Amino acid sequence: MASDDWFRNNDWNSDIEPHFFEKLHRARDKAQYLRIQAGYLVKGHPKTALALLDKYFELGDHFDRAQAFVDQSDGYLSLGERRDAIHSLQKALEREREFPSVRTQAWSRYAVLVATECYSELYADALRVLEERKPDATSFPVDEFLWNAAYALIREAQGQGRSAKEFASRALESAELANSGFRYHPKVGLVGPQYDSLKARLERLFSE
């Protein structure tokens, strides 16, 4: 293992855990290493990731706190705990309002989760977040896709079919892009296969 890989483990076992904490004990910026390691474990070892994030939060306030809340949300989602995931994303968004120079993808994850899980009591707040973060939706095709997809699903749920189809159409146009427009990184920020189910849902909405 390279000297800088001790906090980037994709697995977690009885050999890795003591080695990680031994290195962490010697590290100066413990919070950063806890958050990064947790981020690598949110899908495969979500309970461990959440425990590491608890240790991160116990260390006080740090610049990457918003991202830590996003990682915490991913951990909860891996466990199927969607309400807790929503709560973590809300905390990430609140943190970003306090410190707008540090941005994450909390806005899109929150809006899409509210829309896909049909949390009707949060529709107004999700739309407010989308409007608040509209400038962030122009960076990459995937951001435009998620912004319009969330809007489309919420509008559909609110009984505004015509508006929903318009947003769905825009989202699907973004999903079809094969070039992000960046000269040296044309594939960065494209809509990947992880959104196939969301695309299928939008296609059904658009064709109705």
C-alpha atoms as a PDB file:
ATOM      1  CA  MET A   1       0.000   0.000   0.000  1.00  0.00           C
ATOM      2  CA  ALA A   2       1.357   3.427  -0.974  1.00  0.00           C
ATOM      3  CA  SER A   3       2.049   5.794   1.902  1.00  0.00           C
ATOM      4  CA  ASP A   4      -0.866   8.038   0.960  1.00  0.00           C
ATOM      5  CA  ASP A   5      -3.389   5.212   0.441  1.00  0.00           C
ATOM      6  CA  TRP A   6      -3.952   4.274   4.057  1.00  0.00           C
ATOM      7  CA  PHE A   7      -7.046   6.504   4.210  1.00  0.00           C
ATOM      8  CA  ARG A   8      -8.470   5.427   0.819  1.00  0.00           C
ATOM      9  CA  ASN A   9      -9.479   1.840   1.561  1.00  0.00           C
ATOM     10  CA  ASN A  10     -12.365   0.409  -0.448  1.00  0.00           C
ATOM     11  CA  ASP A  11     -12.607  -2.522   1.944  1.00  0.00           C
ATOM     12  CA  TRP A  12     -12.651  -2.790   5.729  1.00  0.00           C
ATOM     13  CA  ASN A  13     -11.546  -5.755   7.822  1.00  0.00           C
ATOM     14  CA  SER A  14      -9.564  -6.784  10.909  1.00  0.00           C
ATOM     15  CA  ASP A  15      -6.285  -6.018   9.160  1.00  0.00           C
ATOM     16  CA  ILE A  16      -7.218  -2.681   7.611  1.00  0.00           C
ATOM     17  CA  GLU A  17      -8.967  -1.190  10.640  1.00  0.00           C
ATOM     18  CA  PRO A  18      -6.031  -1.232  13.117  1.00  0.00           C
ATOM     19  CA  HIS A  19      -3.636  -0.037  10.422  1.00  0.00           C
ATOM     20  CA  PHE A  20      -5.927   2.891   9.613  1.00  0.00           C
ATOM     21  CA  PHE A  21      -6.315   3.966  13.225  1.00  0.00           C
ATOM     22  CA  GLU A  22      -2.594   3.592  13.872  1.00  0.00           C
ATOM     23  CA  LYS A  23      -1.860   5.982  11.004  1.00  0.00           C
ATOM     24  CA  LEU A  24      -4.704   8.265  12.050  1.00  0.00           C
ATOM     25  CA  HIS A  25      -3.295   8.514  15.570  1.00  0.00           C
ATOM     26  CA  ARG A  26      -0.086   9.962  14.123  1.00  0.00           C
ATOM     27  CA  ALA A  27      -1.801  12.276  11.622  1.00  0.00           C
ATOM     28  CA  ARG A  28      -2.095  15.984  12.214  1.00  0.00           C
ATOM     29  CA  ASP A  29      -5.353  16.615  10.331  1.00  0.00           C
ATOM     30  CA  LYS A  30      -7.398  13.692  11.606  1.00  0.00           C
ATOM     31  CA  ALA A  31     -10.745  15.094  10.464  1.00  0.00           C
ATOM     32  CA  GLN A  32      -9.776  15.186   6.802  1.00  0.00           C
ATOM     33  CA  TYR A  33      -8.597  11.569   6.800  1.00  0.00           C
ATOM     34  CA  LEU A  34     -11.707  10.374   8.597  1.00  0.00           C
ATOM     35  CA  ARG A  35     -13.987  12.043   6.055  1.00  0.00           C
ATOM     36  CA  ILE A  36     -12.044  10.824   3.033  1.00  0.00           C
ATOM     37  CA  GLN A  37     -11.920   7.255   4.304  1.00  0.00           C
ATOM     38  CA  ALA A  38     -15.623   7.330   5.093  1.00  0.00           C
ATOM     39  CA  GLY A  39     -16.319   8.478   1.544  1.00  0.00           C
ATOM     40  CA  TYR A  40     -14.629   5.366   0.173  1.00  0.00           C
ATOM     41  CA  LEU A  41     -16.749   3.094   2.377  1.00  0.00           C
ATOM     42  CA  VAL A  42     -20.267   4.545   2.102  1.00  0.00           C
ATOM     43  CA  LYS A  43     -21.438   1.937  -0.418  1.00  0.00           C
ATOM     44  CA  GLY A  44     -19.591  -1.208   0.610  1.00  0.00           C
ATOM     45  CA  HIS A  45     -19.368  -0.640   4.364  1.00  0.00           C
ATOM     46  CA  PRO A  46     -21.950   2.048   5.209  1.00  0.00           C
ATOM     47  CA  LYS A  47     -22.102   1.360   8.948  1.00  0.00           C
ATOM     48  CA  THR A  48     -18.337   1.751   9.233  1.00  0.00           C
ATOM     49  CA  ALA A  49     -18.478   4.906   7.127  1.00  0.00           C
ATOM     50  CA  LEU A  50     -21.141   6.416   9.374  1.00  0.00           C
ATOM     51  CA  ALA A  51     -19.113   5.547  12.475  1.00  0.00           C
ATOM     52  CA  LEU A  52     -16.054   7.251  11.003  1.00  0.00           C
ATOM     53  CA  LEU A  53     -18.138  10.312  10.171  1.00  0.00           C
ATOM     54  CA  ASP A  54     -19.387  10.425  13.762  1.00  0.00           C
ATOM     55  CA  LYS A  55     -15.731  10.650  14.810  1.00  0.00           C
ATOM     56  CA  TYR A  56     -15.203  13.383  12.207  1.00  0.00           C
ATOM     57  CA  PHE A  57     -18.060  15.491  13.595  1.00  0.00           C
ATOM     58  CA  GLU A  58     -16.788  14.995  17.143  1.00  0.00           C
ATOM     59  CA  LEU A  59     -13.567  16.784  16.162  1.00  0.00           C
ATOM     60  CA  GLY A  60     -15.356  20.105  15.706  1.00  0.00           C
ATOM     61  CA  ASP A  61     -15.978  22.400  12.774  1.00  0.00           C
ATOM     62  CA  HIS A  62     -13.955  21.930   9.572  1.00  0.00           C
ATOM     63  CA  PHE A  63     -14.055  23.401   6.058  1.00  0.00           C
ATOM     64  CA  ASP A  64     -15.336  20.183   4.454  1.00  0.00           C
ATOM     65  CA  ARG A  65     -18.278  19.746   6.824  1.00  0.00           C
ATOM     66  CA  ALA A  66     -20.841  20.083   3.998  1.00  0.00           C
ATOM     67  CA  GLN A  67     -19.216  17.233   2.081  1.00  0.00           C
ATOM     68  CA  ALA A  68     -19.180  15.156   5.265  1.00  0.00           C
ATOM     69  CA  PHE A  69     -22.954  15.560   5.475  1.00  0.00           C
ATOM     70  CA  VAL A  70     -23.261  14.460   1.831  1.00  0.00           C
ATOM     71  CA  ASP A  71     -21.129  11.396   2.565  1.00  0.00           C
ATOM     72  CA  GLN A  72     -23.285  10.709   5.617  1.00  0.00           C
ATOM     73  CA  SER A  73     -26.345  10.858   3.396  1.00  0.00           C
ATOM     74  CA  ASP A  74     -24.799   8.321   1.018  1.00  0.00           C
ATOM     75  CA  GLY A  75     -24.165   6.016   3.948  1.00  0.00           C
ATOM     76  CA  TYR A  76     -27.769   6.228   5.071  1.00  0.00           C
ATOM     77  CA  LEU A  77     -28.971   5.602   1.518  1.00  0.00           C
ATOM     78  CA  SER A  78     -26.839   2.467   1.328  1.00  0.00           C
ATOM     79  CA  LEU A  79     -28.710   1.254   4.412  1.00  0.00           C
ATOM     80  CA  GLY A  80     -32.090   2.245   2.956  1.00  0.00           C
ATOM     81  CA  GLU A  81     -32.586   4.955   5.556  1.00  0.00           C
ATOM     82  CA  ARG A  82     -33.909   7.622   3.223  1.00  0.00           C
ATOM     83  CA  ARG A  83     -35.332   9.993   5.813  1.00  0.00           C
ATOM     84  CA  ASP A  84     -31.993  10.175   7.586  1.00  0.00           C
ATOM     85  CA  ALA A  85     -30.351  10.736   4.186  1.00  0.00           C
ATOM     86  CA  ILE A  86     -32.692  13.658   3.537  1.00  0.00           C
ATOM     87  CA  HIS A  87     -31.889  15.150   6.925  1.00  0.00           C
ATOM     88  CA  SER A  88     -28.139  14.950   6.238  1.00  0.00           C
ATOM     89  CA  LEU A  89     -28.567  16.659   2.865  1.00  0.00           C
ATOM     90  CA  GLN A  90     -30.586  19.425   4.499  1.00  0.00           C
ATOM     91  CA  LYS A  91     -27.714  19.978   6.918  1.00  0.00           C
ATOM     92  CA  ALA A  92     -25.260  20.061   4.009  1.00  0.00           C
ATOM     93  CA  LEU A  93     -27.339  22.706   2.251  1.00  0.00           C
ATOM     94  CA  GLU A  94     -27.612  24.788   5.396  1.00  0.00           C
ATOM     95  CA  ARG A  95     -23.853  24.615   5.801  1.00  0.00           C
ATOM     96  CA  GLU A  96     -23.369  25.807   2.229  1.00  0.00           C
ATOM     97  CA  ARG A  97     -25.647  28.760   2.845  1.00  0.00           C
ATOM     98  CA  GLU A  98     -23.400  29.730   5.739  1.00  0.00           C
ATOM     99  CA  PHE A  99     -20.210  29.138   3.736  1.00  0.00           C
ATOM    100  CA  PRO A 100     -21.120  29.528   0.027  1.00  0.00           C
ATOM    101  CA  SER A 101     -17.511  29.237  -1.124  1.00  0.00           C
ATOM    102  CA  VAL A 102     -17.597  25.492  -0.411  1.00  0.00           C
ATOM    103  CA  ARG A 103     -20.043  23.708  -2.724  1.00  0.00           C
ATOM    104  CA  THR A 104     -21.146  20.089  -3.035  1.00  0.00           C
ATOM    105  CA  GLN A 105     -23.745  18.126  -4.990  1.00  0.00           C
ATOM    106  CA  ALA A 106     -26.147  18.236  -2.051  1.00  0.00           C
ATOM    107  CA  TRP A 107     -28.599  20.384  -4.009  1.00  0.00           C
ATOM    108  CA  SER A 108     -29.147  17.833  -6.795  1.00  0.00           C
ATOM    109  CA  ARG A 109     -29.124  14.818  -4.498  1.00  0.00           C
ATOM    110  CA  TYR A 110     -31.673  16.435  -2.221  1.00  0.00           C
ATOM    111  CA  ALA A 111     -34.035  17.547  -4.981  1.00  0.00           C
ATOM    112  CA  VAL A 112     -33.878  14.236  -6.845  1.00  0.00           C
ATOM    113  CA  LEU A 113     -34.396  12.210  -3.660  1.00  0.00           C
ATOM    114  CA  VAL A 114     -37.396  14.312  -2.670  1.00  0.00           C
ATOM    115  CA  ALA A 115     -38.810  13.953  -6.192  1.00  0.00           C
ATOM    116  CA  THR A 116     -38.218  10.233  -6.682  1.00  0.00           C
ATOM    117  CA  GLU A 117     -39.414   9.267  -3.198  1.00  0.00           C
ATOM    118  CA  CYS A 118     -42.481  11.525  -3.500  1.00  0.00           C
ATOM    119  CA  TYR A 119     -41.928  13.422  -0.252  1.00  0.00           C
ATOM    120  CA  SER A 120     -44.741  15.846  -1.012  1.00  0.00           C
ATOM    121  CA  GLU A 121     -44.235  17.847   2.181  1.00  0.00           C
ATOM    122  CA  LEU A 122     -40.775  18.778   0.886  1.00  0.00           C
ATOM    123  CA  TYR A 123     -41.712  19.675  -2.689  1.00  0.00           C
ATOM    124  CA  ALA A 124     -41.800  23.426  -2.046  1.00  0.00           C
ATOM    125  CA  ASP A 125     -38.431  23.320  -0.300  1.00  0.00           C
ATOM    126  CA  ALA A 126     -36.882  21.209  -3.060  1.00  0.00           C
ATOM    127  CA  LEU A 127     -38.082  23.662  -5.709  1.00  0.00           C
ATOM    128  CA  ARG A 128     -36.678  26.509  -3.656  1.00  0.00           C
ATOM    129  CA  VAL A 129     -33.315  24.745  -3.523  1.00  0.00           C
ATOM    130  CA  LEU A 130     -33.399  24.168  -7.281  1.00  0.00           C
ATOM    131  CA  GLU A 131     -34.029  27.856  -7.942  1.00  0.00           C
ATOM    132  CA  GLU A 132     -31.393  28.804  -5.390  1.00  0.00           C
ATOM    133  CA  ARG A 133     -28.822  26.616  -7.100  1.00  0.00           C
ATOM    134  CA  LYS A 134     -29.873  27.137 -10.714  1.00  0.00           C
ATOM    135  CA  PRO A 135     -26.472  28.620 -11.653  1.00  0.00           C
ATOM    136  CA  ASP A 136     -24.843  25.367 -10.557  1.00  0.00           C
ATOM    137  CA  ALA A 137     -26.968  23.438 -13.051  1.00  0.00           C
ATOM    138  CA  THR A 138     -25.076  24.838 -16.032  1.00  0.00           C
ATOM    139  CA  SER A 139     -21.660  23.375 -15.238  1.00  0.00           C
ATOM    140  CA  PHE A 140     -22.116  19.924 -16.769  1.00  0.00           C
ATOM    141  CA  PRO A 141     -24.790  18.034 -18.734  1.00  0.00           C
ATOM    142  CA  VAL A 142     -25.432  15.796 -15.717  1.00  0.00           C
ATOM    143  CA  ASP A 143     -26.211  18.847 -13.570  1.00  0.00           C
ATOM    144  CA  GLU A 144     -28.686  20.138 -16.158  1.00  0.00           C
ATOM    145  CA  PHE A 145     -30.200  16.665 -16.355  1.00  0.00           C
ATOM    146  CA  LEU A 146     -30.694  16.343 -12.600  1.00  0.00           C
ATOM    147  CA  TRP A 147     -32.039  19.887 -12.205  1.00  0.00           C
ATOM    148  CA  ASN A 148     -34.673  19.387 -14.906  1.00  0.00           C
ATOM    149  CA  ALA A 149     -35.431  15.802 -13.870  1.00  0.00           C
ATOM    150  CA  ALA A 150     -36.250  16.808 -10.312  1.00  0.00           C
ATOM    151  CA  TYR A 151     -38.400  19.686 -11.525  1.00  0.00           C
ATOM    152  CA  ALA A 152     -40.229  17.392 -13.954  1.00  0.00           C
ATOM    153  CA  LEU A 153     -41.105  14.775 -11.353  1.00  0.00           C
ATOM    154  CA  ILE A 154     -42.251  17.321  -8.801  1.00  0.00           C
ATOM    155  CA  ARG A 155     -44.392  19.167 -11.342  1.00  0.00           C
ATOM    156  CA  GLU A 156     -45.938  15.865 -12.400  1.00  0.00           C
ATOM    157  CA  ALA A 157     -46.762  15.035  -8.788  1.00  0.00           C
ATOM    158  CA  GLN A 158     -48.335  18.467  -8.392  1.00  0.00           C
ATOM    159  CA  GLY A 159     -50.632  17.791 -11.334  1.00  0.00           C
ATOM    160  CA  GLN A 160     -48.859  20.160 -13.724  1.00  0.00           C
ATOM    161  CA  GLY A 161     -48.453  17.707 -16.591  1.00  0.00           C
ATOM    162  CA  ARG A 162     -47.618  20.197 -19.315  1.00  0.00           C
ATOM    163  CA  SER A 163     -44.869  21.837 -17.287  1.00  0.00           C
ATOM    164  CA  ALA A 164     -43.580  18.401 -16.230  1.00  0.00           C
ATOM    165  CA  LYS A 165     -43.206  17.317 -19.856  1.00  0.00           C
ATOM    166  CA  GLU A 166     -41.250  20.455 -20.703  1.00  0.00           C
ATOM    167  CA  PHE A 167     -38.757  19.826 -17.916  1.00  0.00           C
ATOM    168  CA  ALA A 168     -38.594  16.129 -18.797  1.00  0.00           C
ATOM    169  CA  SER A 169     -37.776  17.018 -22.393  1.00  0.00           C
ATOM    170  CA  ARG A 170     -34.934  19.287 -21.307  1.00  0.00           C
ATOM    171  CA  ALA A 171     -33.574  16.624 -18.980  1.00  0.00           C
ATOM    172  CA  LEU A 172     -33.614  13.989 -21.718  1.00  0.00           C
ATOM    173  CA  GLU A 173     -31.853  16.357 -24.116  1.00  0.00           C
ATOM    174  CA  SER A 174     -29.057  16.738 -21.575  1.00  0.00           C
ATOM    175  CA  ALA A 175     -28.907  12.966 -21.166  1.00  0.00           C
ATOM    176  CA  GLU A 176     -28.318  12.537 -24.896  1.00  0.00           C
ATOM    177  CA  LEU A 177     -25.218  14.737 -24.986  1.00  0.00           C
ATOM    178  CA  ALA A 178     -22.048  12.806 -25.814  1.00  0.00           C
ATOM    179  CA  ASN A 179     -19.645  15.711 -25.364  1.00  0.00           C
ATOM    180  CA  SER A 180     -19.514  17.956 -22.312  1.00  0.00           C
ATOM    181  CA  GLY A 181     -18.011  20.823 -24.314  1.00  0.00           C
ATOM    182  CA  PHE A 182     -14.693  20.777 -22.498  1.00  0.00           C
ATOM    183  CA  ARG A 183     -11.871  20.592 -25.011  1.00  0.00           C
ATOM    184  CA  TYR A 184      -9.535  18.352 -23.075  1.00  0.00           C
ATOM    185  CA  HIS A 185     -12.130  16.443 -21.044  1.00  0.00           C
ATOM    186  CA  PRO A 186     -15.123  15.925 -23.369  1.00  0.00           C
ATOM    187  CA  LYS A 187     -16.514  13.008 -21.333  1.00  0.00           C
ATOM    188  CA  VAL A 188     -16.471  14.729 -17.955  1.00  0.00           C
ATOM    189  CA  GLY A 189     -19.882  15.490 -16.492  1.00  0.00           C
ATOM    190  CA  LEU A 190     -21.964  13.395 -18.874  1.00  0.00           C
ATOM    191  CA  VAL A 191     -25.092  11.549 -17.775  1.00  0.00           C
ATOM    192  CA  GLY A 192     -23.931   8.015 -17.023  1.00  0.00           C
ATOM    193  CA  PRO A 193     -25.742   4.658 -16.823  1.00  0.00           C
ATOM    194  CA  GLN A 194     -26.371   5.100 -13.088  1.00  0.00           C
ATOM    195  CA  TYR A 195     -29.284   7.335 -14.104  1.00  0.00           C
ATOM    196  CA  ASP A 196     -30.901   4.855 -16.506  1.00  0.00           C
ATOM    197  CA  SER A 197     -33.892   4.250 -14.221  1.00  0.00           C
ATOM    198  CA  LEU A 198     -34.455   7.988 -13.822  1.00  0.00           C
ATOM    199  CA  LYS A 199     -34.217   8.465 -17.601  1.00  0.00           C
ATOM    200  CA  ALA A 200     -36.752   5.682 -18.125  1.00  0.00           C
ATOM    201  CA  ARG A 201     -39.127   7.365 -15.703  1.00  0.00           C
ATOM    202  CA  LEU A 202     -38.768  10.668 -17.543  1.00  0.00           C
ATOM    203  CA  GLU A 203     -39.327   8.989 -20.900  1.00  0.00           C
ATOM    204  CA  ARG A 204     -42.586   7.490 -19.625  1.00  0.00           C
ATOM    205  CA  LEU A 205     -43.637  10.877 -18.283  1.00  0.00           C
ATOM    206  CA  PHE A 206     -42.828  12.587 -21.589  1.00  0.00           C
ATOM    207  CA  SER A 207     -44.698  10.019 -23.679  1.00  0.00           C
ATOM    208  CA  GLU A 208     -47.925  10.122 -21.659  1.00  0.00           C
END
